[in-house]
Amino acid sequence: MLEFAEFLTTTPSAVTEDWVEELRSVGWEDADVVDIVHVVALFNYMCRVADGLGVDLDTDRGWQEQSQKLSFKDETAPKVFGKIAQMPESPVT
């Protein structure tokens, strides 16, 4: 679900029925998929509004100390969603 949410955020036009089928195959219902899409869309909308208006986050929220404990912060793995391979990169035009 989180990989789907990331893919929807970064490559929304590439989401196909295969993605929804993959979510179904691991137990998500259609209503769950609709909820996931709505939450992702709302979060992305709110981030873009904040970025567009130059809103700065409060820097004293206490999350910086926690972020140092994340084991994956310096590592990235190739993103693969279930049986669906990652979309090829678009050619630069």
Protein backbone atom coordinates (compact mmCIF):
# COMPACT_ATOMS: atom_id res chain seq x y z
CA MET A 1 0.00 0.00 0.00
CA LEU A 2 2.79 2.41 0.86
CA GLU A 3 4.64 1.61 -2.36
CA PHE A 4 1.42 2.21 -4.27
CA ALA A 5 0.96 5.52 -2.44
CA GLU A 6 4.52 6.55 -3.35
CA PHE A 7 4.02 5.55 -6.99
CA LEU A 8 0.71 7.44 -7.11
CA THR A 9 2.49 10.50 -5.74
CA THR A 10 5.47 10.40 -8.09
CA THR A 11 3.90 8.95 -11.24
CA PRO A 12 0.12 9.40 -11.09
CA SER A 13 -0.49 9.08 -14.82
CA ALA A 14 1.17 5.64 -14.88
CA VAL A 15 -1.21 4.00 -12.40
CA THR A 16 -3.18 1.28 -14.17
CA GLU A 17 -5.72 -1.38 -13.29
CA ASP A 18 -2.74 -3.71 -12.67
CA TRP A 19 -1.85 -1.67 -9.61
CA VAL A 20 -5.37 -2.01 -8.24
CA GLU A 21 -5.36 -5.74 -8.99
CA GLU A 22 -2.11 -6.09 -7.07
CA LEU A 23 -3.66 -4.36 -4.06
CA ARG A 24 -6.69 -6.66 -4.31
CA SER A 25 -4.43 -9.73 -4.49
CA VAL A 26 -3.01 -8.92 -1.05
CA GLY A 27 -6.37 -8.28 0.59
CA TRP A 28 -7.28 -4.65 -0.04
CA GLU A 29 -10.91 -4.05 -0.99
CA ASP A 30 -12.01 -1.57 -3.66
CA ALA A 31 -13.24 0.80 -0.94
CA ASP A 32 -9.77 0.64 0.64
CA VAL A 33 -8.15 1.56 -2.68
CA VAL A 34 -10.48 4.54 -3.00
CA ASP A 35 -9.54 5.61 0.54
CA ILE A 36 -5.83 5.23 -0.22
CA VAL A 37 -6.14 7.36 -3.35
CA HIS A 38 -8.13 10.02 -1.49
CA VAL A 39 -5.64 10.23 1.38
CA VAL A 40 -2.65 10.39 -1.00
CA ALA A 41 -4.36 13.04 -3.14
CA LEU A 42 -5.29 15.15 -0.11
CA PHE A 43 -1.80 14.94 1.38
CA ASN A 44 -0.22 15.88 -1.97
CA TYR A 45 -2.66 18.76 -2.40
CA MET A 46 -1.89 20.10 1.08
CA CYS A 47 1.87 19.84 0.49
CA ARG A 48 1.64 21.66 -2.82
CA VAL A 49 -0.48 24.43 -1.33
CA ALA A 50 2.01 24.84 1.53
CA ASP A 51 4.95 24.82 -0.88
CA GLY A 52 3.21 27.25 -3.23
CA LEU A 53 2.55 29.67 -0.39
CA GLY A 54 6.02 29.30 1.08
CA VAL A 55 4.80 27.84 4.36
CA ASP A 56 7.70 26.76 6.59
CA LEU A 57 7.33 23.92 9.05
CA ASP A 58 8.03 24.62 12.68
CA THR A 59 11.62 23.41 13.07
CA ASP A 60 11.28 22.63 16.78
CA ARG A 61 8.88 19.71 16.52
CA GLY A 62 11.18 17.06 18.01
CA TRP A 63 11.28 14.84 14.94
CA GLN A 64 14.90 15.57 14.04
CA GLU A 65 16.21 13.37 16.86
CA GLN A 66 13.90 10.55 15.82
CA SER A 67 14.88 10.80 12.16
CA GLN A 68 18.49 10.02 13.07
CA LYS A 69 17.35 6.60 14.30
CA LEU A 70 15.85 5.56 10.96
CA SER A 71 17.85 2.63 9.66
CA PHE A 72 16.98 3.31 6.02
CA LYS A 73 17.78 7.03 5.96
CA ASP A 74 21.06 6.57 4.07
CA GLU A 75 19.98 3.60 1.97
CA THR A 76 17.54 3.36 -0.84
CA ALA A 77 16.30 0.20 -2.47
CA PRO A 78 14.84 -0.18 -5.93
CA LYS A 79 11.10 0.28 -5.78
CA VAL A 80 9.07 -2.66 -6.98
CA PHE A 81 5.39 -3.00 -6.24
CA GLY A 82 4.48 -6.66 -5.91
CA LYS A 83 4.61 -8.32 -9.30
CA ILE A 84 4.59 -5.04 -11.20
CA ALA A 85 8.00 -3.85 -12.38
CA GLN A 86 8.94 -0.23 -12.04
CA MET A 87 7.97 1.98 -14.96
CA PRO A 88 10.90 2.89 -17.24
CA GLU A 89 12.17 6.42 -16.94
CA SER A 90 10.65 8.91 -19.33
CA PRO A 91 12.96 10.27 -22.00
CA VAL A 92 13.97 13.85 -21.38
CA THR A 93 12.51 16.14 -24.00
